[in-house]
N, C-alpha and C. Protein backbone atom coordinates (compact mmCIF):
# COMPACT_ATOMS: atom_id res chain seq x y z
N UNK A 1 0.83 -1.20 0.00
CA UNK A 1 0.00 0.00 0.00
C UNK A 1 0.86 1.26 0.00
N UNK A 2 1.66 1.45 -1.04
CA UNK A 2 2.46 2.67 -1.15
C UNK A 2 1.62 3.94 -1.14
N UNK A 3 0.35 3.80 -1.56
CA UNK A 3 -0.57 4.95 -1.58
C UNK A 3 -0.63 5.64 -0.22
N UNK A 4 -0.62 4.86 0.86
CA UNK A 4 -0.71 5.44 2.19
C UNK A 4 0.54 6.23 2.57
N UNK A 5 1.63 5.94 1.89
CA UNK A 5 2.88 6.67 2.13
C UNK A 5 3.08 7.80 1.13
N UNK A 6 2.07 8.04 0.28
CA UNK A 6 2.16 9.12 -0.69
C UNK A 6 2.84 8.75 -1.99
N UNK A 7 3.08 7.45 -2.21
CA UNK A 7 3.73 7.00 -3.45
C UNK A 7 2.69 6.50 -4.45
N UNK A 8 3.03 6.66 -5.71
CA UNK A 8 2.19 6.16 -6.79
C UNK A 8 2.68 4.77 -7.23
N UNK A 9 1.83 4.07 -7.96
CA UNK A 9 2.18 2.73 -8.44
C UNK A 9 3.36 2.75 -9.38
N UNK A 10 3.51 3.82 -10.12
CA UNK A 10 4.59 3.88 -11.11
C UNK A 10 5.91 4.41 -10.54
N UNK A 11 5.99 4.53 -9.22
CA UNK A 11 7.22 4.92 -8.56
C UNK A 11 8.26 3.81 -8.78
N UNK A 12 9.45 4.18 -9.17
CA UNK A 12 10.48 3.19 -9.52
C UNK A 12 10.87 2.28 -8.37
N UNK A 13 10.66 2.71 -7.13
CA UNK A 13 10.98 1.82 -6.00
C UNK A 13 9.93 0.73 -5.83
N UNK A 14 8.77 0.89 -6.43
CA UNK A 14 7.69 -0.09 -6.31
C UNK A 14 7.73 -1.10 -7.45
N UNK A 15 8.23 -0.69 -8.60
CA UNK A 15 8.20 -1.54 -9.79
C UNK A 15 8.81 -2.94 -9.61
N UNK A 16 9.90 -3.12 -8.88
CA UNK A 16 10.44 -4.47 -8.72
C UNK A 16 9.46 -5.45 -8.06
N UNK A 17 8.57 -4.95 -7.23
CA UNK A 17 7.57 -5.82 -6.61
C UNK A 17 6.58 -6.35 -7.65
N UNK A 18 6.21 -5.49 -8.58
CA UNK A 18 5.32 -5.94 -9.67
C UNK A 18 6.03 -6.97 -10.54
N UNK A 19 7.30 -6.75 -10.82
CA UNK A 19 8.07 -7.71 -11.63
C UNK A 19 8.13 -9.07 -10.94
N UNK A 20 8.41 -9.06 -9.66
CA UNK A 20 8.49 -10.31 -8.90
C UNK A 20 7.13 -11.01 -8.87
N UNK A 21 6.08 -10.26 -8.66
CA UNK A 21 4.74 -10.86 -8.62
C UNK A 21 4.39 -11.49 -9.97
N UNK A 22 4.74 -10.82 -11.06
CA UNK A 22 4.48 -11.41 -12.37
C UNK A 22 5.29 -12.69 -12.55
N UNK A 23 6.57 -12.65 -12.19
CA UNK A 23 7.43 -13.83 -12.34
C UNK A 23 6.93 -15.02 -11.53
N UNK A 24 6.40 -14.75 -10.34
CA UNK A 24 5.93 -15.83 -9.45
C UNK A 24 4.43 -16.12 -9.61
N UNK A 25 3.78 -15.39 -10.53
CA UNK A 25 2.35 -15.55 -10.77
C UNK A 25 1.53 -15.32 -9.49
N UNK A 26 1.88 -14.26 -8.76
CA UNK A 26 1.19 -13.90 -7.53
C UNK A 26 0.31 -12.69 -7.81
N UNK A 27 -1.00 -12.79 -7.53
CA UNK A 27 -1.87 -11.63 -7.73
C UNK A 27 -1.49 -10.48 -6.81
N UNK A 28 -1.70 -9.26 -7.31
CA UNK A 28 -1.38 -8.06 -6.54
C UNK A 28 -2.61 -7.18 -6.45
N UNK A 29 -2.88 -6.71 -5.25
CA UNK A 29 -3.90 -5.69 -5.05
C UNK A 29 -3.20 -4.38 -4.78
N UNK A 30 -3.67 -3.31 -5.44
CA UNK A 30 -3.05 -2.01 -5.22
C UNK A 30 -4.09 -1.03 -4.68
N UNK A 31 -3.75 -0.41 -3.56
CA UNK A 31 -4.65 0.54 -2.91
C UNK A 31 -4.69 1.87 -3.64
N UNK A 32 -5.90 2.34 -3.88
CA UNK A 32 -6.15 3.73 -4.27
C UNK A 32 -7.35 4.19 -3.44
N UNK A 33 -8.04 5.21 -3.87
CA UNK A 33 -9.18 5.69 -3.09
C UNK A 33 -10.20 4.60 -2.89
N UNK A 34 -11.03 4.63 -1.83
CA UNK A 34 -11.06 5.67 -0.83
C UNK A 34 -10.02 5.53 0.26
N UNK A 35 -9.46 4.37 0.47
CA UNK A 35 -8.35 4.24 1.42
C UNK A 35 -8.67 4.61 2.85
N UNK A 36 -9.81 4.21 3.33
CA UNK A 36 -10.17 4.48 4.71
C UNK A 36 -11.43 5.31 4.80
N UNK A 37 -11.81 5.67 6.01
CA UNK A 37 -13.05 6.42 6.17
C UNK A 37 -12.92 7.85 5.63
N UNK A 38 -14.07 8.45 5.37
CA UNK A 38 -14.12 9.82 4.91
C UNK A 38 -13.31 10.71 5.86
N UNK A 39 -12.33 11.41 5.32
CA UNK A 39 -11.48 12.26 6.15
C UNK A 39 -10.46 11.49 6.96
N UNK A 40 -10.23 10.23 6.61
CA UNK A 40 -9.38 9.34 7.41
C UNK A 40 -7.98 9.85 7.68
N UNK A 41 -7.38 10.57 6.71
CA UNK A 41 -6.02 11.04 6.94
C UNK A 41 -5.95 12.00 8.12
N UNK A 42 -7.06 12.64 8.45
CA UNK A 42 -7.09 13.56 9.58
C UNK A 42 -7.39 12.84 10.89
N UNK A 43 -8.15 11.72 10.79
CA UNK A 43 -8.51 10.96 11.99
C UNK A 43 -7.45 9.94 12.36
N UNK A 44 -6.72 9.45 11.37
CA UNK A 44 -5.70 8.42 11.59
C UNK A 44 -4.40 8.82 10.89
N UNK A 45 -3.81 9.94 11.29
CA UNK A 45 -2.65 10.45 10.55
C UNK A 45 -1.45 9.52 10.56
N UNK A 46 -1.25 8.74 11.59
CA UNK A 46 -0.10 7.84 11.62
C UNK A 46 -0.22 6.76 10.55
N UNK A 47 -1.45 6.33 10.26
CA UNK A 47 -1.66 5.28 9.27
C UNK A 47 -1.94 5.83 7.88
N UNK A 48 -2.73 6.89 7.81
CA UNK A 48 -3.23 7.36 6.53
C UNK A 48 -2.72 8.74 6.14
N UNK A 49 -1.81 9.30 6.91
CA UNK A 49 -1.37 10.68 6.71
C UNK A 49 -0.65 10.97 5.41
N UNK A 50 -0.13 9.95 4.72
CA UNK A 50 0.56 10.17 3.45
C UNK A 50 -0.36 10.18 2.25
N UNK A 51 -1.63 9.80 2.46
CA UNK A 51 -2.58 9.77 1.34
C UNK A 51 -2.79 11.15 0.77
N UNK A 52 -2.88 11.20 -0.55
CA UNK A 52 -3.21 12.44 -1.24
C UNK A 52 -4.15 12.12 -2.39
N UNK A 53 -5.17 12.93 -2.57
CA UNK A 53 -6.12 12.72 -3.66
C UNK A 53 -5.40 12.76 -5.01
N UNK A 54 -4.37 13.57 -5.12
CA UNK A 54 -3.65 13.67 -6.40
C UNK A 54 -2.95 12.37 -6.77
N UNK A 55 -2.73 11.49 -5.80
CA UNK A 55 -2.09 10.19 -6.05
C UNK A 55 -3.09 9.04 -6.10
N UNK A 56 -4.37 9.35 -6.08
CA UNK A 56 -5.38 8.31 -5.93
C UNK A 56 -5.93 7.76 -7.23
N UNK A 57 -5.72 8.43 -8.34
CA UNK A 57 -6.31 8.00 -9.60
C UNK A 57 -5.77 6.67 -10.09
N UNK A 58 -6.65 5.80 -10.58
CA UNK A 58 -6.20 4.48 -11.03
C UNK A 58 -5.36 4.50 -12.30
N UNK A 59 -5.37 5.58 -13.06
CA UNK A 59 -4.57 5.62 -14.28
C UNK A 59 -3.08 5.49 -14.00
N UNK A 60 -2.67 5.72 -12.76
CA UNK A 60 -1.27 5.52 -12.40
C UNK A 60 -0.82 4.08 -12.61
N UNK A 61 -1.77 3.16 -12.71
CA UNK A 61 -1.45 1.74 -12.90
C UNK A 61 -1.19 1.37 -14.36
N UNK A 62 -1.46 2.27 -15.28
CA UNK A 62 -1.35 1.92 -16.70
C UNK A 62 0.07 1.50 -17.08
N UNK A 63 1.08 2.23 -16.66
CA UNK A 63 2.45 1.85 -17.03
C UNK A 63 2.84 0.51 -16.42
N UNK A 64 2.33 0.22 -15.24
CA UNK A 64 2.57 -1.08 -14.61
C UNK A 64 1.95 -2.18 -15.47
N UNK A 65 0.70 -1.97 -15.90
CA UNK A 65 0.00 -2.97 -16.70
C UNK A 65 0.64 -3.16 -18.07
N UNK A 66 1.20 -2.11 -18.62
CA UNK A 66 1.89 -2.22 -19.92
C UNK A 66 3.23 -2.93 -19.75
N UNK A 67 3.96 -2.56 -18.72
CA UNK A 67 5.29 -3.14 -18.50
C UNK A 67 5.21 -4.61 -18.09
N UNK A 68 4.14 -4.98 -17.38
CA UNK A 68 3.98 -6.34 -16.87
C UNK A 68 2.64 -6.89 -17.35
N UNK A 69 2.54 -7.25 -18.63
CA UNK A 69 1.25 -7.64 -19.21
C UNK A 69 0.66 -8.94 -18.68
N UNK A 70 1.46 -9.75 -17.99
CA UNK A 70 0.94 -10.99 -17.43
C UNK A 70 0.67 -10.89 -15.93
N UNK A 71 0.83 -9.72 -15.37
CA UNK A 71 0.59 -9.50 -13.96
C UNK A 71 -0.90 -9.55 -13.67
N UNK A 72 -1.28 -10.34 -12.68
CA UNK A 72 -2.67 -10.36 -12.23
C UNK A 72 -2.81 -9.24 -11.19
N UNK A 73 -3.55 -8.22 -11.56
CA UNK A 73 -3.65 -7.02 -10.72
C UNK A 73 -5.10 -6.67 -10.47
N UNK A 74 -5.39 -6.28 -9.24
CA UNK A 74 -6.72 -5.73 -8.98
C UNK A 74 -6.58 -4.42 -8.23
N UNK A 75 -7.49 -3.53 -8.54
CA UNK A 75 -7.53 -2.22 -7.89
C UNK A 75 -8.37 -2.36 -6.64
N UNK A 76 -7.74 -2.14 -5.51
CA UNK A 76 -8.46 -2.22 -4.25
C UNK A 76 -9.38 -1.01 -4.12
N UNK A 77 -10.54 -1.26 -3.58
CA UNK A 77 -11.57 -0.22 -3.39
C UNK A 77 -12.07 0.30 -4.73
N UNK A 78 -11.86 -0.50 -5.77
CA UNK A 78 -12.46 -0.25 -7.06
C UNK A 78 -12.04 1.02 -7.79
N UNK A 79 -11.12 1.76 -7.23
CA UNK A 79 -10.74 3.00 -7.89
C UNK A 79 -11.80 4.08 -7.80
N UNK A 80 -12.78 3.89 -6.93
CA UNK A 80 -13.82 4.89 -6.73
C UNK A 80 -13.16 6.18 -6.26
N UNK A 81 -13.56 7.32 -6.72
CA UNK A 81 -14.71 7.67 -7.56
C UNK A 81 -14.36 7.79 -9.05
N UNK A 82 -13.25 7.26 -9.46
CA UNK A 82 -12.75 7.43 -10.83
C UNK A 82 -13.29 6.35 -11.76
N UNK A 83 -14.60 6.18 -11.82
CA UNK A 83 -15.21 5.08 -12.54
C UNK A 83 -14.86 5.09 -14.03
N UNK A 84 -14.81 6.23 -14.65
CA UNK A 84 -14.50 6.27 -16.09
C UNK A 84 -13.06 5.83 -16.35
N UNK A 85 -12.14 6.21 -15.48
CA UNK A 85 -10.75 5.76 -15.62
C UNK A 85 -10.64 4.25 -15.39
N UNK A 86 -11.39 3.75 -14.41
CA UNK A 86 -11.39 2.31 -14.14
C UNK A 86 -11.89 1.55 -15.36
N UNK A 87 -12.98 2.01 -15.95
CA UNK A 87 -13.53 1.32 -17.12
C UNK A 87 -12.54 1.38 -18.29
N UNK A 88 -11.88 2.49 -18.46
CA UNK A 88 -10.89 2.59 -19.54
C UNK A 88 -9.75 1.60 -19.34
N UNK A 89 -9.25 1.50 -18.11
CA UNK A 89 -8.18 0.55 -17.82
C UNK A 89 -8.64 -0.89 -18.00
N UNK A 90 -9.84 -1.20 -17.55
CA UNK A 90 -10.35 -2.56 -17.67
C UNK A 90 -10.57 -2.92 -19.15
N UNK A 91 -10.97 -1.96 -19.92
CA UNK A 91 -11.15 -2.18 -21.36
C UNK A 91 -9.82 -2.51 -22.03
N UNK A 92 -8.79 -1.79 -21.64
CA UNK A 92 -7.46 -1.96 -22.25
C UNK A 92 -6.71 -3.18 -21.73
N UNK A 93 -6.95 -3.57 -20.48
CA UNK A 93 -6.12 -4.58 -19.83
C UNK A 93 -7.00 -5.69 -19.23
N UNK A 94 -7.12 -6.82 -19.94
CA UNK A 94 -8.01 -7.90 -19.48
C UNK A 94 -7.55 -8.59 -18.20
N UNK A 95 -6.33 -8.33 -17.77
CA UNK A 95 -5.82 -8.93 -16.52
C UNK A 95 -6.09 -8.04 -15.31
N UNK A 96 -6.86 -6.97 -15.49
CA UNK A 96 -7.17 -6.05 -14.40
C UNK A 96 -8.57 -6.31 -13.86
N UNK A 97 -8.65 -6.45 -12.55
CA UNK A 97 -9.91 -6.63 -11.83
C UNK A 97 -10.06 -5.48 -10.83
N UNK A 98 -11.22 -5.40 -10.19
CA UNK A 98 -11.43 -4.44 -9.11
C UNK A 98 -12.09 -5.16 -7.94
N UNK A 99 -11.77 -4.74 -6.74
CA UNK A 99 -12.54 -5.23 -5.61
C UNK A 99 -13.40 -4.09 -5.08
N UNK A 100 -14.45 -4.46 -4.38
CA UNK A 100 -15.37 -3.43 -3.85
C UNK A 100 -15.25 -3.31 -2.34
N UNK A 101 -14.15 -3.81 -1.80
CA UNK A 101 -13.92 -3.69 -0.36
C UNK A 101 -13.96 -2.22 0.04
N UNK A 102 -14.50 -1.96 1.17
CA UNK A 102 -14.73 -0.63 1.75
C UNK A 102 -15.91 0.06 1.06
N UNK A 103 -15.95 0.05 -0.28
CA UNK A 103 -17.08 0.67 -0.97
C UNK A 103 -18.40 0.07 -0.51
N UNK A 104 -18.39 -1.24 -0.26
CA UNK A 104 -19.62 -1.95 0.06
C UNK A 104 -20.10 -1.75 1.50
N UNK A 105 -19.35 -1.05 2.30
CA UNK A 105 -19.85 -0.72 3.64
C UNK A 105 -19.70 0.75 4.01
N UNK A 106 -18.99 1.52 3.18
CA UNK A 106 -18.80 2.93 3.54
C UNK A 106 -19.62 3.88 2.67
N UNK A 107 -19.92 3.47 1.44
CA UNK A 107 -20.69 4.33 0.54
C UNK A 107 -22.19 4.18 0.79
N UNK A 108 -22.94 5.24 0.55
CA UNK A 108 -24.40 5.08 0.57
C UNK A 108 -24.81 4.06 -0.49
N UNK A 109 -25.88 3.34 -0.24
CA UNK A 109 -26.31 2.26 -1.14
C UNK A 109 -26.46 2.74 -2.58
N UNK A 110 -27.04 3.90 -2.79
CA UNK A 110 -27.26 4.37 -4.16
C UNK A 110 -25.93 4.61 -4.88
N UNK A 111 -24.94 5.13 -4.18
CA UNK A 111 -23.63 5.36 -4.81
C UNK A 111 -22.96 4.04 -5.16
N UNK A 112 -23.04 3.06 -4.26
CA UNK A 112 -22.50 1.73 -4.58
C UNK A 112 -23.24 1.15 -5.78
N UNK A 113 -24.56 1.28 -5.80
CA UNK A 113 -25.34 0.77 -6.93
C UNK A 113 -24.90 1.43 -8.23
N UNK A 114 -24.72 2.74 -8.22
CA UNK A 114 -24.28 3.45 -9.43
C UNK A 114 -22.95 2.91 -9.93
N UNK A 115 -22.03 2.72 -9.00
CA UNK A 115 -20.70 2.22 -9.34
C UNK A 115 -20.79 0.81 -9.94
N UNK A 116 -21.46 -0.10 -9.22
CA UNK A 116 -21.59 -1.48 -9.69
C UNK A 116 -22.33 -1.55 -11.03
N UNK A 117 -23.41 -0.81 -11.15
CA UNK A 117 -24.20 -0.84 -12.38
C UNK A 117 -23.39 -0.35 -13.57
N UNK A 118 -22.57 0.66 -13.34
CA UNK A 118 -21.73 1.17 -14.42
C UNK A 118 -20.76 0.09 -14.91
N UNK A 119 -20.15 -0.65 -13.99
CA UNK A 119 -19.24 -1.73 -14.38
C UNK A 119 -19.99 -2.89 -15.05
N UNK A 120 -21.13 -3.25 -14.51
CA UNK A 120 -21.94 -4.34 -15.08
C UNK A 120 -22.40 -3.96 -16.48
N UNK A 121 -22.94 -2.74 -16.62
CA UNK A 121 -23.46 -2.31 -17.91
C UNK A 121 -22.37 -2.21 -18.98
N UNK A 122 -21.13 -2.01 -18.56
CA UNK A 122 -20.02 -1.91 -19.49
C UNK A 122 -19.45 -3.29 -19.83
N UNK A 123 -19.92 -4.32 -19.16
CA UNK A 123 -19.49 -5.67 -19.48
C UNK A 123 -18.39 -6.23 -18.60
N UNK A 124 -18.14 -5.60 -17.44
CA UNK A 124 -17.05 -6.04 -16.58
C UNK A 124 -17.52 -6.80 -15.34
N UNK A 125 -18.71 -7.35 -15.39
CA UNK A 125 -19.25 -8.06 -14.23
C UNK A 125 -18.45 -9.28 -13.82
N UNK A 126 -17.67 -9.84 -14.72
CA UNK A 126 -16.86 -11.03 -14.40
C UNK A 126 -15.52 -10.66 -13.79
N UNK A 127 -15.30 -9.35 -13.56
CA UNK A 127 -14.01 -8.91 -13.01
C UNK A 127 -14.17 -8.05 -11.76
N UNK A 128 -15.29 -8.21 -11.07
CA UNK A 128 -15.56 -7.50 -9.82
C UNK A 128 -15.41 -8.50 -8.67
N UNK A 129 -14.61 -8.16 -7.69
CA UNK A 129 -14.34 -9.03 -6.55
C UNK A 129 -14.96 -8.47 -5.29
N UNK A 130 -15.59 -9.33 -4.51
CA UNK A 130 -16.10 -8.92 -3.21
C UNK A 130 -14.94 -8.80 -2.23
N UNK A 131 -15.07 -7.91 -1.30
CA UNK A 131 -14.10 -7.79 -0.22
C UNK A 131 -14.68 -6.89 0.85
N UNK A 132 -14.01 -6.84 1.99
CA UNK A 132 -14.43 -5.95 3.07
C UNK A 132 -13.26 -5.11 3.57
N UNK A 133 -12.04 -5.63 3.42
CA UNK A 133 -10.84 -4.95 3.91
C UNK A 133 -10.95 -4.72 5.41
N UNK A 134 -11.47 -5.72 6.10
CA UNK A 134 -11.76 -5.52 7.51
C UNK A 134 -10.88 -6.30 8.45
N UNK A 135 -10.22 -5.55 9.30
CA UNK A 135 -9.45 -6.14 10.39
C UNK A 135 -9.83 -5.46 11.71
N UNK A 136 -10.42 -4.29 11.60
CA UNK A 136 -10.69 -3.46 12.78
C UNK A 136 -12.17 -3.49 13.15
N UNK A 137 -13.03 -3.42 12.16
CA UNK A 137 -14.47 -3.35 12.40
C UNK A 137 -15.16 -4.54 11.75
N UNK A 138 -15.05 -5.76 12.32
CA UNK A 138 -15.61 -6.95 11.67
C UNK A 138 -17.12 -6.87 11.48
N UNK A 139 -17.80 -6.05 12.25
CA UNK A 139 -19.25 -5.93 12.09
C UNK A 139 -19.63 -5.37 10.72
N UNK A 140 -18.69 -4.72 10.04
CA UNK A 140 -19.00 -4.18 8.71
C UNK A 140 -19.04 -5.27 7.64
N UNK A 141 -18.56 -6.47 7.94
CA UNK A 141 -18.62 -7.56 6.98
C UNK A 141 -20.08 -7.87 6.65
N UNK A 142 -20.92 -7.93 7.68
CA UNK A 142 -22.35 -8.16 7.44
C UNK A 142 -22.95 -7.02 6.61
N UNK A 143 -22.53 -5.80 6.88
CA UNK A 143 -23.02 -4.64 6.11
C UNK A 143 -22.61 -4.76 4.64
N UNK A 144 -21.37 -5.20 4.40
CA UNK A 144 -20.87 -5.33 3.04
C UNK A 144 -21.67 -6.38 2.26
N UNK A 145 -21.91 -7.51 2.89
CA UNK A 145 -22.70 -8.56 2.24
C UNK A 145 -24.11 -8.06 1.95
N UNK A 146 -24.70 -7.40 2.93
CA UNK A 146 -26.06 -6.89 2.76
C UNK A 146 -26.15 -5.86 1.65
N UNK A 147 -25.13 -5.03 1.50
CA UNK A 147 -25.20 -3.99 0.47
C UNK A 147 -25.13 -4.58 -0.94
N UNK A 148 -24.36 -5.65 -1.12
CA UNK A 148 -24.34 -6.31 -2.44
C UNK A 148 -25.69 -6.99 -2.67
N UNK A 149 -26.19 -7.67 -1.66
CA UNK A 149 -27.49 -8.32 -1.81
C UNK A 149 -28.61 -7.32 -2.05
N UNK A 150 -28.46 -6.09 -1.56
CA UNK A 150 -29.49 -5.06 -1.74
C UNK A 150 -29.46 -4.42 -3.13
N UNK A 151 -28.44 -4.69 -3.90
CA UNK A 151 -28.34 -4.15 -5.26
C UNK A 151 -29.30 -4.96 -6.14
N UNK A 152 -30.56 -4.53 -6.18
CA UNK A 152 -31.63 -5.33 -6.79
C UNK A 152 -31.53 -5.47 -8.30
N UNK A 153 -30.66 -4.72 -8.94
CA UNK A 153 -30.46 -4.85 -10.39
C UNK A 153 -29.53 -6.02 -10.72
N UNK A 154 -28.79 -6.51 -9.71
CA UNK A 154 -27.89 -7.65 -9.93
C UNK A 154 -28.69 -8.94 -9.94
N UNK A 155 -28.38 -9.82 -10.89
CA UNK A 155 -28.99 -11.14 -10.90
C UNK A 155 -28.31 -12.00 -9.84
N UNK A 156 -28.93 -13.14 -9.53
CA UNK A 156 -28.30 -14.07 -8.59
C UNK A 156 -26.96 -14.55 -9.13
N UNK A 157 -26.86 -14.76 -10.44
CA UNK A 157 -25.59 -15.18 -11.04
C UNK A 157 -24.53 -14.09 -10.88
N UNK A 158 -24.89 -12.85 -11.09
CA UNK A 158 -23.94 -11.74 -10.93
C UNK A 158 -23.48 -11.62 -9.48
N UNK A 159 -24.40 -11.80 -8.55
CA UNK A 159 -24.02 -11.77 -7.12
C UNK A 159 -23.07 -12.92 -6.80
N UNK A 160 -23.36 -14.12 -7.33
CA UNK A 160 -22.46 -15.26 -7.11
C UNK A 160 -21.09 -15.00 -7.70
N UNK A 161 -21.06 -14.33 -8.85
CA UNK A 161 -19.77 -13.97 -9.45
C UNK A 161 -19.00 -13.03 -8.53
N UNK A 162 -19.67 -12.00 -8.04
CA UNK A 162 -19.01 -11.01 -7.17
C UNK A 162 -18.56 -11.65 -5.86
N UNK A 163 -19.42 -12.44 -5.26
CA UNK A 163 -19.08 -13.05 -3.97
C UNK A 163 -18.03 -14.14 -4.05
N UNK A 164 -17.95 -14.87 -5.20
CA UNK A 164 -17.04 -16.01 -5.23
C UNK A 164 -16.41 -16.30 -6.59
N UNK A 165 -17.24 -16.48 -7.61
CA UNK A 165 -16.76 -17.00 -8.88
C UNK A 165 -15.63 -16.19 -9.50
N UNK A 166 -15.75 -14.87 -9.45
CA UNK A 166 -14.71 -14.02 -10.07
C UNK A 166 -13.37 -14.20 -9.36
N UNK A 167 -13.41 -14.28 -8.05
CA UNK A 167 -12.16 -14.46 -7.29
C UNK A 167 -11.54 -15.83 -7.59
N UNK A 168 -12.38 -16.85 -7.69
CA UNK A 168 -11.85 -18.18 -8.00
C UNK A 168 -11.18 -18.19 -9.38
N UNK A 169 -11.78 -17.51 -10.33
CA UNK A 169 -11.20 -17.43 -11.68
C UNK A 169 -9.93 -16.59 -11.67
N UNK A 170 -9.93 -15.52 -10.91
CA UNK A 170 -8.77 -14.62 -10.85
C UNK A 170 -7.56 -15.36 -10.29
């Protein structure tokens, strides 16, 4: 999570990790927004104080994806709120997935629905991963599950993909 230290994915000190992950066929999750609760860098400065919105855009991953075309990479927290950039990257790079950890318990239901529907409508439903990113507030796991189940536009098959099938394939 170099993002929390104020570093971007394309920072030269981070690139060797991507190379190693590709060589060993190890999936990599990369943190971008939201990266914690609303205003988190002010509430948890020791952990989140290096975060900057200017470093949060998912397009920073493009050079990584080009340089390491066989790297299995997913954008943690889905790259929200940069949905158009996420869709552009997913269109260009079939090895890129997104997880919805944090989004599924921190965003209002309608905003999560908008995000998920945009990815589903664009044809990326097979590359959305469920997650919670929870170590501190385990009670939010139930909230995360409930929020995906509450997305009434999703079919049962799409929910099964998000909850399990996509991760198994990834």
